[in-house]
Amino acid sequence: MSYIDGFIAAVPTINKDKYIEHAKLSAVVFKEHGALKIMETWGDDVPDGELTSFPLAVQKKDDETVVFSWVTWPSKEARNVGWQAIMEDPRMHPDNNPMPFDGKRLIYGGFETLISE
């Protein structure tokens, strides 16, 4: 069964084009290191919550947009090998591919696939 890495972040809305460029380069690197598919989405209908919500989780400011992304890997083992290679790839160094958002508010995690239809 495939393995998924998921990400949620708050990106300054003014940085949308910078985020797209960052994501395009990152997608190339991830695929070269074993990822099957990369999905990048820009928040369009992401309501504020009172107790929980995407905006609350990433401490979204008024001038930011929530992004939701995921990477599909063939397996957890492939993901672990891929991540090690990605972290060593010079294209992913902050000087070469800076994150156009506050990485301290990035939420991420790895997930086992239960159902895939």
N, C-alpha and C. Protein backbone atom coordinates (compact mmCIF):
# COMPACT_ATOMS: atom_id res chain seq x y z
N MET A 1 0.85 -1.18 0.00
CA MET A 1 0.00 0.00 0.00
C MET A 1 0.89 1.24 0.00
N SER A 2 0.46 2.29 -0.66
CA SER A 2 1.24 3.52 -0.75
C SER A 2 1.32 4.22 0.61
N TYR A 3 2.22 5.19 0.68
CA TYR A 3 2.43 5.98 1.89
C TYR A 3 2.29 7.44 1.51
N ILE A 4 1.71 8.24 2.39
CA ILE A 4 1.42 9.64 2.11
C ILE A 4 2.12 10.54 3.11
N ASP A 5 2.77 11.60 2.61
CA ASP A 5 3.23 12.70 3.45
C ASP A 5 2.28 13.85 3.20
N GLY A 6 1.74 14.44 4.28
CA GLY A 6 0.81 15.56 4.16
C GLY A 6 1.38 16.81 4.78
N PHE A 7 1.02 17.96 4.21
CA PHE A 7 1.54 19.25 4.65
C PHE A 7 0.44 20.30 4.64
N ILE A 8 0.43 21.15 5.63
CA ILE A 8 -0.46 22.31 5.68
C ILE A 8 0.40 23.50 6.11
N ALA A 9 0.24 24.62 5.41
CA ALA A 9 1.01 25.82 5.74
C ALA A 9 0.18 27.06 5.44
N ALA A 10 0.59 28.17 6.02
CA ALA A 10 0.01 29.48 5.72
C ALA A 10 1.03 30.25 4.90
N VAL A 11 0.64 30.62 3.68
CA VAL A 11 1.55 31.31 2.77
C VAL A 11 1.05 32.74 2.58
N PRO A 12 1.94 33.74 2.71
CA PRO A 12 1.50 35.09 2.39
C PRO A 12 0.88 35.11 0.99
N THR A 13 -0.33 35.61 0.88
CA THR A 13 -1.06 35.58 -0.38
C THR A 13 -0.26 36.26 -1.49
N ILE A 14 0.48 37.28 -1.15
CA ILE A 14 1.30 37.98 -2.13
C ILE A 14 2.41 37.08 -2.70
N ASN A 15 2.74 36.00 -1.99
CA ASN A 15 3.81 35.09 -2.41
C ASN A 15 3.29 33.89 -3.22
N LYS A 16 2.09 33.96 -3.73
CA LYS A 16 1.53 32.81 -4.46
C LYS A 16 2.44 32.37 -5.60
N ASP A 17 2.89 33.31 -6.43
CA ASP A 17 3.77 32.93 -7.55
C ASP A 17 5.09 32.34 -7.06
N LYS A 18 5.65 32.90 -6.00
CA LYS A 18 6.88 32.35 -5.42
C LYS A 18 6.63 30.93 -4.89
N TYR A 19 5.46 30.73 -4.27
CA TYR A 19 5.13 29.40 -3.77
C TYR A 19 5.01 28.40 -4.92
N ILE A 20 4.38 28.80 -6.00
CA ILE A 20 4.24 27.91 -7.15
C ILE A 20 5.61 27.51 -7.68
N GLU A 21 6.52 28.46 -7.80
CA GLU A 21 7.88 28.15 -8.28
C GLU A 21 8.60 27.21 -7.31
N HIS A 22 8.48 27.49 -6.02
CA HIS A 22 9.07 26.62 -4.99
C HIS A 22 8.51 25.20 -5.11
N ALA A 23 7.20 25.11 -5.27
CA ALA A 23 6.53 23.80 -5.34
C ALA A 23 6.91 23.06 -6.63
N LYS A 24 7.04 23.76 -7.74
CA LYS A 24 7.42 23.10 -9.00
C LYS A 24 8.80 22.48 -8.89
N LEU A 25 9.76 23.22 -8.36
CA LEU A 25 11.11 22.67 -8.21
C LEU A 25 11.10 21.52 -7.21
N SER A 26 10.39 21.69 -6.11
CA SER A 26 10.32 20.62 -5.11
C SER A 26 9.70 19.36 -5.71
N ALA A 27 8.67 19.51 -6.53
CA ALA A 27 8.02 18.35 -7.14
C ALA A 27 8.99 17.57 -8.03
N VAL A 28 9.80 18.28 -8.79
CA VAL A 28 10.80 17.61 -9.63
C VAL A 28 11.75 16.79 -8.76
N VAL A 29 12.23 17.40 -7.69
CA VAL A 29 13.19 16.72 -6.81
C VAL A 29 12.52 15.51 -6.15
N PHE A 30 11.32 15.67 -5.64
CA PHE A 30 10.61 14.57 -4.98
C PHE A 30 10.41 13.41 -5.96
N LYS A 31 10.00 13.70 -7.18
CA LYS A 31 9.75 12.63 -8.15
C LYS A 31 11.06 11.93 -8.53
N GLU A 32 12.12 12.69 -8.65
CA GLU A 32 13.43 12.07 -8.95
C GLU A 32 13.88 11.13 -7.84
N HIS A 33 13.39 11.37 -6.64
CA HIS A 33 13.79 10.56 -5.49
C HIS A 33 12.69 9.59 -5.05
N GLY A 34 11.79 9.24 -5.97
CA GLY A 34 10.88 8.13 -5.72
C GLY A 34 9.42 8.44 -5.50
N ALA A 35 9.04 9.70 -5.36
CA ALA A 35 7.62 10.03 -5.15
C ALA A 35 6.83 9.68 -6.41
N LEU A 36 5.62 9.18 -6.20
CA LEU A 36 4.75 8.83 -7.32
C LEU A 36 3.92 10.02 -7.80
N LYS A 37 3.47 10.84 -6.85
CA LYS A 37 2.60 11.95 -7.20
C LYS A 37 2.73 13.05 -6.14
N ILE A 38 2.67 14.30 -6.59
CA ILE A 38 2.71 15.45 -5.71
C ILE A 38 1.47 16.28 -6.00
N MET A 39 0.74 16.64 -4.96
CA MET A 39 -0.43 17.50 -5.10
C MET A 39 -0.19 18.76 -4.28
N GLU A 40 -0.35 19.90 -4.91
CA GLU A 40 -0.24 21.20 -4.25
C GLU A 40 -1.57 21.91 -4.45
N THR A 41 -2.18 22.39 -3.37
CA THR A 41 -3.46 23.07 -3.49
C THR A 41 -3.41 24.40 -2.76
N TRP A 42 -4.13 25.37 -3.30
CA TRP A 42 -4.20 26.73 -2.75
C TRP A 42 -5.59 26.92 -2.17
N GLY A 43 -5.68 27.31 -0.92
CA GLY A 43 -6.97 27.44 -0.24
C GLY A 43 -7.95 28.35 -0.98
N ASP A 44 -9.16 27.86 -1.13
CA ASP A 44 -10.22 28.60 -1.82
C ASP A 44 -11.45 28.74 -0.93
N ASP A 45 -11.78 27.68 -0.23
CA ASP A 45 -12.95 27.66 0.64
C ASP A 45 -12.53 26.99 1.95
N VAL A 46 -11.75 27.72 2.75
CA VAL A 46 -11.15 27.18 3.97
C VAL A 46 -11.67 28.02 5.15
N PRO A 47 -12.79 27.59 5.75
CA PRO A 47 -13.42 28.41 6.79
C PRO A 47 -12.61 28.46 8.09
N ASP A 48 -12.73 29.60 8.74
CA ASP A 48 -12.18 29.74 10.09
C ASP A 48 -13.05 28.94 11.04
N GLY A 49 -12.45 28.33 12.01
CA GLY A 49 -13.21 27.58 13.00
C GLY A 49 -13.16 28.28 14.34
N GLU A 50 -13.97 27.81 15.24
CA GLU A 50 -13.94 28.36 16.60
C GLU A 50 -13.02 27.55 17.50
N LEU A 51 -12.97 26.24 17.26
CA LEU A 51 -12.16 25.37 18.09
C LEU A 51 -11.01 24.76 17.28
N THR A 52 -11.34 24.26 16.08
CA THR A 52 -10.33 23.68 15.20
C THR A 52 -10.61 24.11 13.76
N SER A 53 -9.56 24.22 12.98
CA SER A 53 -9.68 24.51 11.55
C SER A 53 -8.27 24.54 10.97
N PHE A 54 -8.19 24.47 9.66
CA PHE A 54 -6.90 24.64 9.01
C PHE A 54 -6.28 26.00 9.35
N PRO A 55 -7.03 27.11 9.23
CA PRO A 55 -6.43 28.41 9.55
C PRO A 55 -5.91 28.49 10.99
N LEU A 56 -6.68 27.94 11.94
CA LEU A 56 -6.22 27.95 13.32
C LEU A 56 -4.97 27.10 13.51
N ALA A 57 -4.93 25.97 12.85
CA ALA A 57 -3.81 25.05 13.02
C ALA A 57 -2.48 25.68 12.60
N VAL A 58 -2.50 26.50 11.53
CA VAL A 58 -1.26 27.11 11.03
C VAL A 58 -1.14 28.58 11.44
N GLN A 59 -2.01 29.02 12.32
CA GLN A 59 -2.00 30.40 12.81
C GLN A 59 -2.01 31.40 11.64
N LYS A 60 -2.94 31.16 10.70
CA LYS A 60 -3.05 31.99 9.51
C LYS A 60 -3.36 33.43 9.86
N LYS A 61 -2.64 34.34 9.21
CA LYS A 61 -2.89 35.77 9.37
C LYS A 61 -3.82 36.23 8.25
N ASP A 62 -4.36 37.42 8.39
CA ASP A 62 -5.33 37.94 7.42
C ASP A 62 -4.78 38.02 6.00
N ASP A 63 -3.48 38.23 5.85
CA ASP A 63 -2.89 38.37 4.52
C ASP A 63 -2.26 37.06 4.02
N GLU A 64 -2.71 35.94 4.55
CA GLU A 64 -2.16 34.63 4.17
C GLU A 64 -3.27 33.71 3.65
N THR A 65 -2.84 32.70 2.92
CA THR A 65 -3.73 31.67 2.39
C THR A 65 -3.22 30.32 2.85
N VAL A 66 -4.14 29.43 3.21
CA VAL A 66 -3.75 28.07 3.61
C VAL A 66 -3.48 27.23 2.36
N VAL A 67 -2.36 26.52 2.39
CA VAL A 67 -2.07 25.54 1.34
C VAL A 67 -2.10 24.15 1.96
N PHE A 68 -2.53 23.20 1.16
CA PHE A 68 -2.64 21.80 1.59
C PHE A 68 -1.96 20.99 0.50
N SER A 69 -0.98 20.20 0.89
CA SER A 69 -0.20 19.44 -0.09
C SER A 69 0.00 18.03 0.40
N TRP A 70 0.20 17.12 -0.55
CA TRP A 70 0.56 15.77 -0.17
C TRP A 70 1.41 15.12 -1.24
N VAL A 71 2.19 14.17 -0.79
CA VAL A 71 3.09 13.42 -1.66
C VAL A 71 2.75 11.94 -1.49
N THR A 72 2.58 11.26 -2.61
CA THR A 72 2.30 9.82 -2.58
C THR A 72 3.59 9.08 -2.91
N TRP A 73 3.93 8.13 -2.05
CA TRP A 73 5.12 7.29 -2.21
C TRP A 73 4.66 5.85 -2.42
N PRO A 74 5.49 5.01 -3.04
CA PRO A 74 5.11 3.61 -3.21
C PRO A 74 5.00 2.86 -1.88
N SER A 75 5.79 3.28 -0.88
CA SER A 75 5.80 2.60 0.42
C SER A 75 6.48 3.51 1.43
N LYS A 76 6.37 3.17 2.70
CA LYS A 76 7.07 3.94 3.72
C LYS A 76 8.58 3.82 3.56
N GLU A 77 9.02 2.64 3.17
CA GLU A 77 10.46 2.43 2.97
C GLU A 77 10.98 3.34 1.85
N ALA A 78 10.24 3.42 0.74
CA ALA A 78 10.64 4.29 -0.37
C ALA A 78 10.64 5.75 0.08
N ARG A 79 9.67 6.10 0.90
CA ARG A 79 9.60 7.46 1.41
C ARG A 79 10.81 7.78 2.28
N ASN A 80 11.19 6.87 3.16
CA ASN A 80 12.33 7.11 4.04
C ASN A 80 13.62 7.30 3.24
N VAL A 81 13.83 6.46 2.24
CA VAL A 81 15.01 6.59 1.37
C VAL A 81 14.93 7.89 0.58
N GLY A 82 13.74 8.18 0.04
CA GLY A 82 13.55 9.41 -0.73
C GLY A 82 13.82 10.66 0.07
N TRP A 83 13.28 10.71 1.29
CA TRP A 83 13.48 11.89 2.14
C TRP A 83 14.95 12.12 2.44
N GLN A 84 15.68 11.06 2.70
CA GLN A 84 17.11 11.22 2.97
C GLN A 84 17.80 11.83 1.77
N ALA A 85 17.49 11.35 0.58
CA ALA A 85 18.09 11.88 -0.64
C ALA A 85 17.64 13.33 -0.88
N ILE A 86 16.38 13.63 -0.61
CA ILE A 86 15.86 14.99 -0.80
C ILE A 86 16.59 15.97 0.11
N MET A 87 16.80 15.58 1.36
CA MET A 87 17.48 16.47 2.30
C MET A 87 18.93 16.72 1.91
N GLU A 88 19.53 15.79 1.17
CA GLU A 88 20.91 15.95 0.72
C GLU A 88 21.01 16.59 -0.66
N ASP A 89 19.90 16.76 -1.35
CA ASP A 89 19.89 17.31 -2.70
C ASP A 89 20.11 18.83 -2.63
N PRO A 90 21.16 19.35 -3.29
CA PRO A 90 21.45 20.78 -3.20
C PRO A 90 20.33 21.68 -3.73
N ARG A 91 19.46 21.16 -4.60
CA ARG A 91 18.35 21.97 -5.09
C ARG A 91 17.35 22.31 -4.00
N MET A 92 17.36 21.53 -2.92
CA MET A 92 16.42 21.78 -1.82
C MET A 92 17.03 22.64 -0.71
N HIS A 93 18.27 23.03 -0.84
CA HIS A 93 18.90 23.89 0.15
C HIS A 93 18.18 25.24 0.14
N PRO A 94 17.94 25.82 1.32
CA PRO A 94 17.21 27.10 1.38
C PRO A 94 17.80 28.21 0.50
N ASP A 95 19.09 28.18 0.25
CA ASP A 95 19.68 29.20 -0.62
C ASP A 95 19.24 29.01 -2.08
N ASN A 96 18.94 27.77 -2.46
CA ASN A 96 18.55 27.46 -3.83
C ASN A 96 17.04 27.40 -4.03
N ASN A 97 16.30 27.06 -2.99
CA ASN A 97 14.85 26.93 -3.09
C ASN A 97 14.21 27.37 -1.77
N PRO A 98 14.26 28.69 -1.48
CA PRO A 98 13.75 29.16 -0.18
C PRO A 98 12.24 28.97 -0.06
N MET A 99 11.82 28.66 1.15
CA MET A 99 10.38 28.53 1.42
C MET A 99 9.78 29.93 1.49
N PRO A 100 8.77 30.23 0.68
CA PRO A 100 8.16 31.57 0.70
C PRO A 100 7.06 31.70 1.76
N PHE A 101 7.28 31.08 2.91
CA PHE A 101 6.33 31.10 4.02
C PHE A 101 7.09 30.79 5.29
N ASP A 102 6.43 30.94 6.42
CA ASP A 102 7.03 30.67 7.73
C ASP A 102 7.02 29.17 8.01
N GLY A 103 8.16 28.54 7.86
CA GLY A 103 8.28 27.11 8.06
C GLY A 103 8.00 26.65 9.48
N LYS A 104 8.04 27.57 10.44
CA LYS A 104 7.75 27.21 11.82
C LYS A 104 6.28 26.88 12.02
N ARG A 105 5.43 27.34 11.08
CA ARG A 105 3.99 27.08 11.18
C ARG A 105 3.55 26.01 10.19
N LEU A 106 4.50 25.33 9.57
CA LEU A 106 4.21 24.21 8.68
C LEU A 106 3.85 22.99 9.53
N ILE A 107 2.77 22.33 9.17
CA ILE A 107 2.36 21.10 9.85
C ILE A 107 2.54 19.97 8.84
N TYR A 108 3.16 18.89 9.27
CA TYR A 108 3.38 17.78 8.35
C TYR A 108 3.34 16.46 9.09
N GLY A 109 3.17 15.41 8.33
CA GLY A 109 3.17 14.08 8.92
C GLY A 109 3.09 13.02 7.86
N GLY A 110 3.45 11.80 8.22
CA GLY A 110 3.38 10.64 7.33
C GLY A 110 2.20 9.77 7.70
N PHE A 111 1.55 9.22 6.67
CA PHE A 111 0.31 8.47 6.88
C PHE A 111 0.29 7.18 6.10
N GLU A 112 -0.14 6.10 6.76
CA GLU A 112 -0.41 4.83 6.08
C GLU A 112 -1.70 4.97 5.30
N THR A 113 -1.73 4.40 4.11
CA THR A 113 -2.96 4.41 3.33
C THR A 113 -3.88 3.30 3.84
N LEU A 114 -5.12 3.65 4.13
CA LEU A 114 -6.12 2.67 4.55
C LEU A 114 -7.00 2.25 3.37
N ILE A 115 -7.46 3.25 2.60
CA ILE A 115 -8.30 2.99 1.45
C ILE A 115 -7.83 3.89 0.32
N SER A 116 -7.72 3.35 -0.85
CA SER A 116 -7.36 4.13 -2.04
C SER A 116 -8.22 3.62 -3.19
N GLU A 117 -9.15 4.42 -3.65
CA GLU A 117 -10.05 3.99 -4.72
C GLU A 117 -9.96 4.92 -5.90
